Amino acid sequence: MRKFWTDAEDRWLIDNYPDTLAEDIAKHLGRTVRSVYARANGMGLKKSAEFLSSEAAGRTNLLKAGEKHRFHSGQTPWNAGKKGWQAGGRAKETQFKKGRRPHTWNPVGHERLTKDGYLQRKVTDTGCTPRDYRMVHHLVWEEAGGEVPPGHVLVFRNGNKRDIRPENLELITRAENARRNSIHRYPPELRAAMRTAGKLRRKIQEAES
């Protein structure tokens, strides 16, 4: 029988998922690890950078395990002094010429829409697409003197992702964003009240900091 998530469990998950092992969360909530990952993914929750760089995440152990297989300074590679492999036949005639750009290339300044409807702009031409393109609403926010610190996201106040005016952008925590994404099942008037309460909490936190 399917066990539905309660509001209390969702709130606990939002507060603890970024910095807690999924196994520990599953044990605390009496659920499977797979269920925890699925729920967190559905709510847009991510592990914090601090957690991923800690021993608890297990990644540092993997890095240490691979140290003995790394190329060490002064070590001679097996292909030292050998020329690269060359294909025979007419391969040289049909090879991609140096300096030639692929048909998918676009100049700096080119804009495109992601599958989620966000507008991106090409700001560099390194050849690495994820690195060359940036979200336009992030660029607009930064040009207005703002920054997006770790653990925060930019959202559109009116929900329109193409309305990229600075006054339509709002900086909120990832936890708050997850809460907003999880209240869609409530009536409109209650959703509005919950968003207002979230803004009030942030104002109080800013005043106390």
N, C-alpha and C. Protein backbone atom coordinates (compact mmCIF):
# COMPACT_ATOMS: atom_id res chain seq x y z
N MET A 1 0.84 -1.20 0.00
CA MET A 1 0.00 0.00 0.00
C MET A 1 0.88 1.25 0.00
N ARG A 2 0.55 2.21 -0.86
CA ARG A 2 1.36 3.42 -0.99
C ARG A 2 1.22 4.28 0.26
N LYS A 3 2.34 4.79 0.76
CA LYS A 3 2.35 5.64 1.95
C LYS A 3 2.59 7.08 1.51
N PHE A 4 1.57 7.91 1.63
CA PHE A 4 1.68 9.29 1.20
C PHE A 4 2.50 10.11 2.19
N TRP A 5 3.18 11.13 1.66
CA TRP A 5 3.99 12.01 2.50
C TRP A 5 3.08 13.04 3.18
N THR A 6 3.32 13.29 4.44
CA THR A 6 2.55 14.28 5.19
C THR A 6 3.23 15.64 5.11
N ASP A 7 2.51 16.69 5.47
CA ASP A 7 3.09 18.04 5.47
C ASP A 7 4.24 18.12 6.46
N ALA A 8 4.10 17.46 7.61
CA ALA A 8 5.16 17.48 8.62
C ALA A 8 6.43 16.82 8.09
N GLU A 9 6.27 15.71 7.35
CA GLU A 9 7.42 15.02 6.77
C GLU A 9 8.09 15.89 5.71
N ASP A 10 7.28 16.58 4.90
CA ASP A 10 7.82 17.46 3.87
C ASP A 10 8.64 18.58 4.50
N ARG A 11 8.11 19.17 5.58
CA ARG A 11 8.85 20.26 6.23
C ARG A 11 10.15 19.75 6.83
N TRP A 12 10.12 18.55 7.41
CA TRP A 12 11.34 17.98 7.99
C TRP A 12 12.37 17.70 6.90
N LEU A 13 11.87 17.20 5.76
CA LEU A 13 12.76 16.90 4.64
C LEU A 13 13.40 18.18 4.10
N ILE A 14 12.64 19.24 3.96
CA ILE A 14 13.14 20.52 3.47
C ILE A 14 14.26 21.04 4.37
N ASP A 15 14.05 20.94 5.67
CA ASP A 15 15.01 21.49 6.64
C ASP A 15 16.27 20.64 6.77
N ASN A 16 16.18 19.34 6.52
CA ASN A 16 17.29 18.45 6.82
C ASN A 16 17.97 17.80 5.62
N TYR A 17 17.29 17.72 4.47
CA TYR A 17 17.86 17.00 3.32
C TYR A 17 19.21 17.56 2.85
N PRO A 18 19.38 18.90 2.76
CA PRO A 18 20.65 19.43 2.22
C PRO A 18 21.89 18.97 2.95
N ASP A 19 21.79 18.69 4.26
CA ASP A 19 22.99 18.39 5.05
C ASP A 19 22.91 17.06 5.81
N THR A 20 22.03 16.17 5.38
CA THR A 20 21.86 14.90 6.09
C THR A 20 21.87 13.74 5.11
N LEU A 21 22.52 12.64 5.49
CA LEU A 21 22.54 11.44 4.64
C LEU A 21 21.12 10.94 4.39
N ALA A 22 20.87 10.51 3.14
CA ALA A 22 19.54 9.98 2.81
C ALA A 22 19.21 8.76 3.66
N GLU A 23 20.23 7.97 3.99
CA GLU A 23 20.00 6.78 4.82
C GLU A 23 19.50 7.16 6.20
N ASP A 24 20.06 8.24 6.76
CA ASP A 24 19.63 8.70 8.08
C ASP A 24 18.22 9.28 8.03
N ILE A 25 17.92 9.98 6.94
CA ILE A 25 16.58 10.54 6.78
C ILE A 25 15.55 9.42 6.67
N ALA A 26 15.88 8.41 5.86
CA ALA A 26 14.97 7.27 5.68
C ALA A 26 14.70 6.57 7.01
N LYS A 27 15.75 6.41 7.81
CA LYS A 27 15.59 5.75 9.10
C LYS A 27 14.72 6.59 10.03
N HIS A 28 14.94 7.90 10.02
CA HIS A 28 14.17 8.79 10.90
C HIS A 28 12.69 8.81 10.53
N LEU A 29 12.40 8.80 9.23
CA LEU A 29 11.01 8.90 8.77
C LEU A 29 10.35 7.55 8.56
N GLY A 30 11.13 6.48 8.70
CA GLY A 30 10.56 5.15 8.49
C GLY A 30 10.22 4.88 7.05
N ARG A 31 11.08 5.38 6.15
CA ARG A 31 10.85 5.19 4.71
C ARG A 31 12.09 4.59 4.06
N THR A 32 11.98 4.23 2.79
CA THR A 32 13.12 3.69 2.07
C THR A 32 13.98 4.82 1.55
N VAL A 33 15.26 4.53 1.30
CA VAL A 33 16.17 5.53 0.75
C VAL A 33 15.68 5.97 -0.63
N ARG A 34 15.18 5.03 -1.39
CA ARG A 34 14.67 5.35 -2.73
C ARG A 34 13.51 6.34 -2.65
N SER A 35 12.64 6.15 -1.66
CA SER A 35 11.51 7.05 -1.47
C SER A 35 11.99 8.45 -1.10
N VAL A 36 13.01 8.54 -0.27
CA VAL A 36 13.56 9.83 0.15
C VAL A 36 14.13 10.57 -1.05
N TYR A 37 14.92 9.87 -1.88
CA TYR A 37 15.51 10.50 -3.05
C TYR A 37 14.43 10.98 -4.03
N ALA A 38 13.41 10.15 -4.21
CA ALA A 38 12.34 10.49 -5.15
C ALA A 38 11.58 11.73 -4.68
N ARG A 39 11.28 11.79 -3.38
CA ARG A 39 10.54 12.93 -2.85
C ARG A 39 11.38 14.20 -2.92
N ALA A 40 12.66 14.10 -2.57
CA ALA A 40 13.55 15.26 -2.60
C ALA A 40 13.69 15.78 -4.03
N ASN A 41 13.82 14.87 -4.98
CA ASN A 41 13.94 15.26 -6.38
C ASN A 41 12.68 15.95 -6.87
N GLY A 42 11.50 15.42 -6.45
CA GLY A 42 10.24 16.03 -6.85
C GLY A 42 10.04 17.41 -6.27
N MET A 43 10.65 17.68 -5.12
CA MET A 43 10.52 18.99 -4.47
C MET A 43 11.66 19.94 -4.84
N GLY A 44 12.59 19.47 -5.68
CA GLY A 44 13.69 20.32 -6.11
C GLY A 44 14.77 20.51 -5.07
N LEU A 45 14.86 19.59 -4.11
CA LEU A 45 15.86 19.72 -3.05
C LEU A 45 17.21 19.19 -3.52
N LYS A 46 18.28 19.83 -3.09
CA LYS A 46 19.64 19.43 -3.44
C LYS A 46 20.51 19.37 -2.19
N LYS A 47 21.56 18.58 -2.26
CA LYS A 47 22.54 18.55 -1.18
C LYS A 47 23.36 19.84 -1.21
N SER A 48 23.73 20.34 -0.04
CA SER A 48 24.51 21.57 0.02
C SER A 48 25.96 21.30 -0.40
N ALA A 49 26.64 22.36 -0.84
CA ALA A 49 28.04 22.22 -1.25
C ALA A 49 28.90 21.77 -0.08
N GLU A 50 28.57 22.26 1.12
CA GLU A 50 29.33 21.88 2.31
C GLU A 50 29.21 20.38 2.58
N PHE A 51 27.99 19.86 2.42
CA PHE A 51 27.78 18.43 2.66
C PHE A 51 28.52 17.59 1.62
N LEU A 52 28.45 17.98 0.35
CA LEU A 52 29.08 17.21 -0.71
C LEU A 52 30.60 17.18 -0.58
N SER A 53 31.17 18.20 0.05
CA SER A 53 32.62 18.23 0.23
C SER A 53 33.07 17.61 1.55
N SER A 54 32.12 17.14 2.34
CA SER A 54 32.46 16.56 3.64
C SER A 54 32.70 15.06 3.54
N GLU A 55 33.26 14.48 4.60
CA GLU A 55 33.49 13.04 4.66
C GLU A 55 32.18 12.27 4.60
N ALA A 56 31.11 12.87 5.17
CA ALA A 56 29.82 12.18 5.24
C ALA A 56 29.27 11.82 3.87
N ALA A 57 29.58 12.65 2.85
CA ALA A 57 29.06 12.40 1.51
C ALA A 57 29.73 11.21 0.86
N GLY A 58 30.93 10.83 1.33
CA GLY A 58 31.62 9.66 0.79
C GLY A 58 32.45 9.96 -0.44
N ARG A 59 32.37 11.18 -0.97
CA ARG A 59 33.11 11.50 -2.20
C ARG A 59 34.60 11.60 -1.95
N THR A 60 34.98 12.10 -0.76
CA THR A 60 36.41 12.24 -0.48
C THR A 60 37.09 10.88 -0.42
N ASN A 61 36.36 9.86 0.04
CA ASN A 61 36.92 8.51 0.08
C ASN A 61 37.19 7.98 -1.33
N LEU A 62 36.29 8.31 -2.26
CA LEU A 62 36.48 7.87 -3.64
C LEU A 62 37.70 8.54 -4.26
N LEU A 63 37.89 9.82 -3.91
CA LEU A 63 39.05 10.53 -4.44
C LEU A 63 40.35 9.92 -3.93
N LYS A 64 40.37 9.57 -2.63
CA LYS A 64 41.56 8.97 -2.05
C LYS A 64 41.84 7.61 -2.68
N ALA A 65 40.78 6.86 -2.96
CA ALA A 65 40.94 5.52 -3.53
C ALA A 65 41.56 5.58 -4.93
N GLY A 66 41.34 6.70 -5.62
CA GLY A 66 41.87 6.81 -6.98
C GLY A 66 43.25 7.41 -7.08
N GLU A 67 43.82 7.82 -5.94
CA GLU A 67 45.13 8.47 -5.95
C GLU A 67 46.23 7.59 -6.55
N LYS A 68 46.20 6.28 -6.23
CA LYS A 68 47.27 5.40 -6.70
C LYS A 68 47.22 5.16 -8.21
N HIS A 69 46.07 5.51 -8.84
CA HIS A 69 45.93 5.30 -10.28
C HIS A 69 46.19 6.58 -11.08
N ARG A 70 46.53 7.67 -10.40
CA ARG A 70 46.76 8.92 -11.10
C ARG A 70 48.14 8.96 -11.75
N PHE A 71 48.26 9.84 -12.74
CA PHE A 71 49.53 10.05 -13.42
C PHE A 71 50.39 10.93 -12.52
N HIS A 72 51.56 10.46 -12.14
CA HIS A 72 52.42 11.18 -11.21
C HIS A 72 53.47 12.02 -11.94
N SER A 73 53.91 13.09 -11.29
CA SER A 73 54.91 13.98 -11.86
C SER A 73 56.20 13.21 -12.14
N GLY A 74 56.75 13.38 -13.35
CA GLY A 74 57.99 12.70 -13.72
C GLY A 74 57.77 11.34 -14.36
N GLN A 75 56.55 10.84 -14.33
CA GLN A 75 56.25 9.53 -14.92
C GLN A 75 56.16 9.66 -16.44
N THR A 76 56.77 8.73 -17.18
CA THR A 76 56.78 8.77 -18.64
C THR A 76 55.58 8.04 -19.21
N PRO A 77 54.76 8.69 -20.02
CA PRO A 77 53.60 8.03 -20.61
C PRO A 77 54.02 6.97 -21.62
N TRP A 78 53.16 5.98 -21.83
CA TRP A 78 53.49 4.87 -22.72
C TRP A 78 53.69 5.30 -24.17
N ASN A 79 53.03 6.42 -24.57
CA ASN A 79 53.12 6.86 -25.97
C ASN A 79 54.08 8.01 -26.18
N ALA A 80 55.03 8.18 -25.25
CA ALA A 80 56.00 9.28 -25.39
C ALA A 80 56.81 9.12 -26.67
N GLY A 81 56.91 10.17 -27.48
CA GLY A 81 57.69 10.16 -28.71
C GLY A 81 56.99 9.54 -29.90
N LYS A 82 55.75 9.06 -29.69
CA LYS A 82 55.02 8.43 -30.80
C LYS A 82 54.06 9.43 -31.41
N LYS A 83 53.89 9.38 -32.70
CA LYS A 83 52.94 10.24 -33.38
C LYS A 83 51.54 9.66 -33.23
N GLY A 84 50.56 10.57 -33.34
CA GLY A 84 49.17 10.13 -33.23
C GLY A 84 48.78 9.19 -34.36
N TRP A 85 47.76 8.38 -34.11
CA TRP A 85 47.30 7.42 -35.12
C TRP A 85 46.69 8.14 -36.30
N GLN A 86 47.02 7.71 -37.50
CA GLN A 86 46.49 8.30 -38.72
C GLN A 86 45.69 7.26 -39.49
N ALA A 87 44.49 7.65 -39.88
CA ALA A 87 43.66 6.74 -40.68
C ALA A 87 44.16 6.73 -42.12
N GLY A 88 43.88 5.66 -42.83
CA GLY A 88 44.33 5.55 -44.21
C GLY A 88 43.27 6.00 -45.19
N GLY A 89 43.49 5.69 -46.46
CA GLY A 89 42.52 6.02 -47.50
C GLY A 89 42.35 7.51 -47.69
N ARG A 90 41.08 7.97 -47.87
CA ARG A 90 40.78 9.37 -48.11
C ARG A 90 40.43 10.11 -46.82
N ALA A 91 40.80 9.53 -45.68
CA ALA A 91 40.42 10.11 -44.39
C ALA A 91 40.93 11.55 -44.24
N LYS A 92 42.14 11.81 -44.72
CA LYS A 92 42.72 13.13 -44.54
C LYS A 92 41.93 14.20 -45.29
N GLU A 93 41.32 13.79 -46.43
CA GLU A 93 40.55 14.75 -47.22
C GLU A 93 39.25 15.15 -46.51
N THR A 94 38.69 14.24 -45.74
CA THR A 94 37.38 14.48 -45.12
C THR A 94 37.47 14.87 -43.64
N GLN A 95 38.70 14.98 -43.12
CA GLN A 95 38.84 15.35 -41.72
C GLN A 95 38.37 16.78 -41.47
N PHE A 96 37.90 17.02 -40.23
CA PHE A 96 37.46 18.37 -39.85
C PHE A 96 38.68 19.29 -39.80
N LYS A 97 38.67 20.35 -40.60
CA LYS A 97 39.83 21.23 -40.71
C LYS A 97 39.99 22.10 -39.46
N LYS A 98 41.23 22.36 -39.05
CA LYS A 98 41.52 23.18 -37.90
C LYS A 98 41.01 24.60 -38.11
N GLY A 99 40.32 25.13 -37.09
CA GLY A 99 39.78 26.48 -37.17
C GLY A 99 38.39 26.55 -37.76
N ARG A 100 37.91 25.46 -38.32
CA ARG A 100 36.56 25.43 -38.90
C ARG A 100 35.53 25.23 -37.80
N ARG A 101 34.45 25.98 -37.85
CA ARG A 101 33.42 25.90 -36.83
C ARG A 101 32.32 24.95 -37.25
N PRO A 102 31.73 24.22 -36.28
CA PRO A 102 30.61 23.33 -36.61
C PRO A 102 29.37 24.13 -36.98
N HIS A 103 28.41 23.51 -37.64
CA HIS A 103 27.22 24.22 -38.10
C HIS A 103 26.34 24.68 -36.94
N THR A 104 26.57 24.11 -35.75
CA THR A 104 25.77 24.49 -34.58
C THR A 104 26.35 25.69 -33.83
N TRP A 105 27.48 26.22 -34.31
CA TRP A 105 28.14 27.32 -33.62
C TRP A 105 27.33 28.60 -33.70
N ASN A 106 27.33 29.38 -32.60
CA ASN A 106 26.67 30.68 -32.55
C ASN A 106 27.62 31.69 -31.90
N PRO A 107 27.54 32.96 -32.29
CA PRO A 107 28.44 33.97 -31.75
C PRO A 107 28.07 34.37 -30.32
N VAL A 108 29.01 35.03 -29.63
CA VAL A 108 28.74 35.56 -28.30
C VAL A 108 27.60 36.57 -28.41
N GLY A 109 26.65 36.48 -27.51
CA GLY A 109 25.47 37.34 -27.55
C GLY A 109 24.23 36.60 -28.02
N HIS A 110 24.44 35.40 -28.61
CA HIS A 110 23.31 34.60 -29.06
C HIS A 110 22.46 34.17 -27.86
N GLU A 111 21.14 34.19 -28.03
CA GLU A 111 20.24 33.80 -26.96
C GLU A 111 19.42 32.59 -27.38
N ARG A 112 19.07 31.78 -26.39
CA ARG A 112 18.29 30.58 -26.65
C ARG A 112 17.40 30.30 -25.45
N LEU A 113 16.37 29.48 -25.65
CA LEU A 113 15.46 29.08 -24.57
C LEU A 113 15.80 27.66 -24.13
N THR A 114 15.85 27.42 -22.83
CA THR A 114 16.05 26.07 -22.32
C THR A 114 14.74 25.31 -22.41
N LYS A 115 14.79 24.01 -22.19
CA LYS A 115 13.56 23.21 -22.24
C LYS A 115 12.58 23.59 -21.14
N ASP A 116 13.10 24.28 -20.09
CA ASP A 116 12.23 24.72 -19.00
C ASP A 116 11.71 26.13 -19.21
N GLY A 117 12.06 26.74 -20.36
CA GLY A 117 11.53 28.06 -20.68
C GLY A 117 12.36 29.23 -20.20
N TYR A 118 13.60 28.98 -19.73
CA TYR A 118 14.47 30.06 -19.28
C TYR A 118 15.30 30.59 -20.46
N LEU A 119 15.49 31.90 -20.49
CA LEU A 119 16.29 32.52 -21.55
C LEU A 119 17.76 32.53 -21.15
N GLN A 120 18.62 32.03 -22.05
CA GLN A 120 20.06 32.01 -21.81
C GLN A 120 20.78 32.84 -22.87
N ARG A 121 21.96 33.38 -22.50
CA ARG A 121 22.74 34.17 -23.44
C ARG A 121 24.18 33.66 -23.46
N LYS A 122 24.76 33.60 -24.65
CA LYS A 122 26.15 33.16 -24.79
C LYS A 122 27.06 34.32 -24.42
N VAL A 123 27.91 34.11 -23.40
CA VAL A 123 28.78 35.19 -22.92
C VAL A 123 30.26 34.93 -23.21
N THR A 124 30.63 33.68 -23.51
CA THR A 124 32.01 33.35 -23.87
C THR A 124 31.98 32.34 -25.03
N ASP A 125 33.13 32.08 -25.60
CA ASP A 125 33.20 31.15 -26.74
C ASP A 125 34.33 30.15 -26.51
N THR A 126 34.22 29.38 -25.43
CA THR A 126 35.25 28.40 -25.09
C THR A 126 35.05 27.08 -25.81
N GLY A 127 33.84 26.87 -26.35
CA GLY A 127 33.52 25.59 -26.98
C GLY A 127 32.81 24.66 -26.04
N CYS A 128 32.73 25.04 -24.76
CA CYS A 128 31.99 24.24 -23.77
C CYS A 128 30.63 24.92 -23.56
N THR A 129 29.58 24.38 -24.16
CA THR A 129 28.27 25.02 -24.15
C THR A 129 27.75 25.34 -22.75
N PRO A 130 27.78 24.40 -21.78
CA PRO A 130 27.27 24.73 -20.44
C PRO A 130 28.00 25.90 -19.79
N ARG A 131 29.29 26.07 -20.15
CA ARG A 131 30.08 27.15 -19.57
C ARG A 131 29.85 28.46 -20.31
N ASP A 132 29.58 28.38 -21.62
CA ASP A 132 29.46 29.58 -22.43
C ASP A 132 28.12 30.31 -22.25
N TYR A 133 27.07 29.56 -21.92
CA TYR A 133 25.74 30.16 -21.79
C TYR A 133 25.38 30.39 -20.32
N ARG A 134 24.76 31.56 -20.04
CA ARG A 134 24.30 31.88 -18.69
C ARG A 134 22.85 32.34 -18.73
N MET A 135 22.15 32.13 -17.63
CA MET A 135 20.77 32.57 -17.52
C MET A 135 20.72 34.11 -17.61
N VAL A 136 19.85 34.62 -18.47
CA VAL A 136 19.77 36.07 -18.66
C VAL A 136 19.27 36.76 -17.40
N HIS A 137 18.35 36.13 -16.66
CA HIS A 137 17.84 36.81 -15.46
C HIS A 137 18.94 36.91 -14.39
N HIS A 138 19.92 36.00 -14.41
CA HIS A 138 21.07 36.12 -13.50
C HIS A 138 21.94 37.30 -13.92
N LEU A 139 22.15 37.46 -15.23
CA LEU A 139 22.95 38.58 -15.73
C LEU A 139 22.30 39.91 -15.38
N VAL A 140 20.98 39.99 -15.53
CA VAL A 140 20.25 41.22 -15.22
C VAL A 140 20.36 41.54 -13.74
N TRP A 141 20.23 40.50 -12.90
CA TRP A 141 20.31 40.68 -11.44
C TRP A 141 21.71 41.20 -11.05
N GLU A 142 22.74 40.63 -11.67
CA GLU A 142 24.10 41.04 -11.35
C GLU A 142 24.40 42.45 -11.85
N GLU A 143 23.86 42.79 -13.01
CA GLU A 143 24.06 44.14 -13.55
C GLU A 143 23.42 45.19 -12.65
N ALA A 144 22.35 44.79 -11.94
CA ALA A 144 21.65 45.70 -11.03
C ALA A 144 22.36 45.79 -9.68
N GLY A 145 23.49 45.08 -9.55
CA GLY A 145 24.26 45.16 -8.32
C GLY A 145 24.02 44.03 -7.35
N GLY A 146 23.26 43.03 -7.76
CA GLY A 146 22.97 41.91 -6.86
C GLY A 146 23.88 40.73 -7.12
N GLU A 147 23.76 39.73 -6.28
CA GLU A 147 24.49 38.48 -6.46
C GLU A 147 23.62 37.34 -5.95
N VAL A 148 23.89 36.13 -6.44
CA VAL A 148 23.13 34.96 -6.02
C VAL A 148 24.05 34.10 -5.16
N PRO A 149 23.96 34.24 -3.84
CA PRO A 149 24.84 33.48 -2.95
C PRO A 149 24.49 31.99 -2.95
N PRO A 150 25.39 31.14 -2.49
CA PRO A 150 25.11 29.71 -2.41
C PRO A 150 23.84 29.44 -1.58
N GLY A 151 23.06 28.46 -2.02
CA GLY A 151 21.85 28.10 -1.30
C GLY A 151 20.65 28.98 -1.63
N HIS A 152 20.78 29.85 -2.64
CA HIS A 152 19.69 30.74 -3.02
C HIS A 152 19.37 30.61 -4.51
N VAL A 153 18.18 31.02 -4.89
CA VAL A 153 17.75 30.99 -6.29
C VAL A 153 17.00 32.28 -6.60
N LEU A 154 16.96 32.62 -7.89
CA LEU A 154 16.17 33.75 -8.35
C LEU A 154 14.86 33.25 -8.90
N VAL A 155 13.77 33.86 -8.49
CA VAL A 155 12.45 33.48 -9.00
C VAL A 155 11.77 34.71 -9.58
N PHE A 156 10.74 34.48 -10.40
CA PHE A 156 10.00 35.56 -11.04
C PHE A 156 8.74 35.84 -10.23
N ARG A 157 8.58 37.08 -9.79
CA ARG A 157 7.47 37.43 -8.91
C ARG A 157 6.11 37.12 -9.53
N ASN A 158 5.98 37.42 -10.84
CA ASN A 158 4.68 37.20 -11.48
C ASN A 158 4.60 35.86 -12.21
N GLY A 159 5.65 35.04 -12.07
CA GLY A 159 5.64 33.70 -12.68
C GLY A 159 6.00 33.68 -14.15
N ASN A 160 6.21 34.84 -14.76
CA ASN A 160 6.53 34.92 -16.19
C ASN A 160 8.04 34.92 -16.37
N LYS A 161 8.60 33.83 -16.90
CA LYS A 161 10.05 33.69 -17.06
C LYS A 161 10.63 34.58 -18.15
N ARG A 162 9.78 35.18 -18.97
CA ARG A 162 10.27 36.09 -20.01
C ARG A 162 10.24 37.54 -19.55
N ASP A 163 9.66 37.79 -18.37
CA ASP A 163 9.63 39.14 -17.81
C ASP A 163 10.86 39.30 -16.91
N ILE A 164 11.98 39.73 -17.51
CA ILE A 164 13.26 39.70 -16.81
C ILE A 164 13.66 41.09 -16.30
N ARG A 165 12.68 41.90 -15.96
CA ARG A 165 12.97 43.20 -15.32
C ARG A 165 13.50 42.95 -13.91
N PRO A 166 14.46 43.74 -13.42
CA PRO A 166 14.99 43.55 -12.07
C PRO A 166 13.90 43.54 -11.00
N GLU A 167 12.87 44.40 -11.17
CA GLU A 167 11.81 44.47 -10.17
C GLU A 167 10.91 43.23 -10.16
N ASN A 168 11.03 42.41 -11.20
CA ASN A 168 10.23 41.17 -11.23
C ASN A 168 11.01 39.98 -10.69
N LEU A 169 12.27 40.20 -10.28
CA LEU A 169 13.10 39.13 -9.77
C LEU A 169 13.14 39.17 -8.25
N GLU A 170 13.16 37.99 -7.64
CA GLU A 170 13.20 37.89 -6.18
C GLU A 170 14.21 36.83 -5.78
N LEU A 171 15.07 37.14 -4.82
CA LEU A 171 16.07 36.20 -4.33
C LEU A 171 15.54 35.51 -3.09
N ILE A 172 15.45 34.17 -3.14
CA ILE A 172 14.96 33.39 -2.01
C ILE A 172 15.87 32.19 -1.79
N THR A 173 15.76 31.56 -0.63
CA THR A 173 16.56 30.38 -0.34
C THR A 173 15.99 29.17 -1.09
N ARG A 174 16.82 28.15 -1.25
CA ARG A 174 16.35 26.93 -1.91
C ARG A 174 15.26 26.26 -1.09
N ALA A 175 15.38 26.37 0.25
CA ALA A 175 14.36 25.78 1.12
C ALA A 175 13.01 26.47 0.90
N GLU A 176 13.03 27.81 0.79
CA GLU A 176 11.80 28.55 0.55
C GLU A 176 11.23 28.20 -0.82
N ASN A 177 12.10 28.04 -1.81
CA ASN A 177 11.65 27.67 -3.15
C ASN A 177 10.99 26.30 -3.15
N ALA A 178 11.56 25.37 -2.36
CA ALA A 178 10.97 24.03 -2.26
C ALA A 178 9.60 24.11 -1.60
N ARG A 179 9.47 24.97 -0.59
CA ARG A 179 8.18 25.13 0.08
C ARG A 179 7.14 25.67 -0.90
N ARG A 180 7.54 26.64 -1.69
CA ARG A 180 6.60 27.21 -2.66
C ARG A 180 6.15 26.17 -3.68
N ASN A 181 7.10 25.34 -4.10
CA ASN A 181 6.77 24.32 -5.11
C ASN A 181 5.91 23.20 -4.54
N SER A 182 5.86 23.09 -3.22
CA SER A 182 5.11 21.99 -2.62
C SER A 182 3.74 22.42 -2.12
N ILE A 183 3.35 23.70 -2.31
CA ILE A 183 2.06 24.16 -1.80
C ILE A 183 1.01 24.27 -2.91
N HIS A 184 1.33 23.74 -4.09
CA HIS A 184 0.40 23.86 -5.21
C HIS A 184 -0.92 23.15 -4.95
N ARG A 185 -0.91 22.19 -4.00
CA ARG A 185 -2.13 21.43 -3.73
C ARG A 185 -3.12 22.18 -2.83
N TYR A 186 -2.69 23.33 -2.30
CA TYR A 186 -3.55 24.10 -1.40
C TYR A 186 -4.40 25.09 -2.20
N PRO A 187 -5.51 25.58 -1.61
CA PRO A 187 -6.36 26.58 -2.28
C PRO A 187 -5.58 27.87 -2.53
N PRO A 188 -5.96 28.65 -3.55
CA PRO A 188 -5.24 29.87 -3.90
C PRO A 188 -5.06 30.84 -2.75
N GLU A 189 -6.13 31.03 -1.95
CA GLU A 189 -6.02 32.01 -0.86
C GLU A 189 -5.03 31.55 0.21
N LEU A 190 -4.94 30.22 0.43
CA LEU A 190 -3.99 29.70 1.41
C LEU A 190 -2.57 29.79 0.88
N ARG A 191 -2.40 29.55 -0.43
CA ARG A 191 -1.07 29.66 -1.03
C ARG A 191 -0.55 31.08 -0.90
N ALA A 192 -1.43 32.07 -1.13
CA ALA A 192 -1.02 33.46 -1.02
C ALA A 192 -0.61 33.79 0.42
N ALA A 193 -1.36 33.25 1.39
CA ALA A 193 -1.04 33.50 2.80
C ALA A 193 0.30 32.88 3.17
N MET A 194 0.59 31.69 2.64
CA MET A 194 1.85 31.00 2.94
C MET A 194 3.03 31.76 2.34
N ARG A 195 2.85 32.31 1.15
CA ARG A 195 3.92 33.09 0.54
C ARG A 195 4.18 34.37 1.33
N THR A 196 3.10 35.01 1.79
CA THR A 196 3.25 36.23 2.60
C THR A 196 3.98 35.92 3.89
N ALA A 197 3.65 34.77 4.50
CA ALA A 197 4.32 34.38 5.74
C ALA A 197 5.81 34.14 5.50
N GLY A 198 6.14 33.56 4.35
CA GLY A 198 7.55 33.32 4.00
C GLY A 198 8.31 34.63 3.85
N LYS A 199 7.69 35.62 3.19
CA LYS A 199 8.34 36.92 3.03
C LYS A 199 8.56 37.58 4.39
N LEU A 200 7.57 37.45 5.29
CA LEU A 200 7.68 38.04 6.62
C LEU A 200 8.83 37.41 7.40
N ARG A 201 8.98 36.08 7.27
CA ARG A 201 10.08 35.39 7.96
C ARG A 201 11.43 35.89 7.46
N ARG A 202 11.55 36.10 6.15
CA ARG A 202 12.81 36.57 5.59
C ARG A 202 13.13 37.99 6.06
N LYS A 203 12.11 38.85 6.15
CA LYS A 203 12.32 40.22 6.64
C LYS A 203 12.80 40.21 8.09
N ILE A 204 12.22 39.32 8.89
CA ILE A 204 12.63 39.22 10.29
C ILE A 204 14.08 38.76 10.39
N GLN A 205 14.44 37.75 9.58
CA GLN A 205 15.81 37.22 9.58
C GLN A 205 16.80 38.30 9.15
N GLU A 206 16.42 39.11 8.13
CA GLU A 206 17.31 40.17 7.65
C GLU A 206 17.50 41.23 8.73
N ALA A 207 16.43 41.53 9.47
CA ALA A 207 16.50 42.55 10.51
C ALA A 207 17.35 42.10 11.68
N GLU A 208 17.32 40.77 11.95
CA GLU A 208 18.07 40.23 13.07
C GLU A 208 19.53 39.96 12.74
N SER A 209 19.87 39.88 11.45
CA SER A 209 21.25 39.57 11.05
C SER A 209 22.12 40.82 11.05
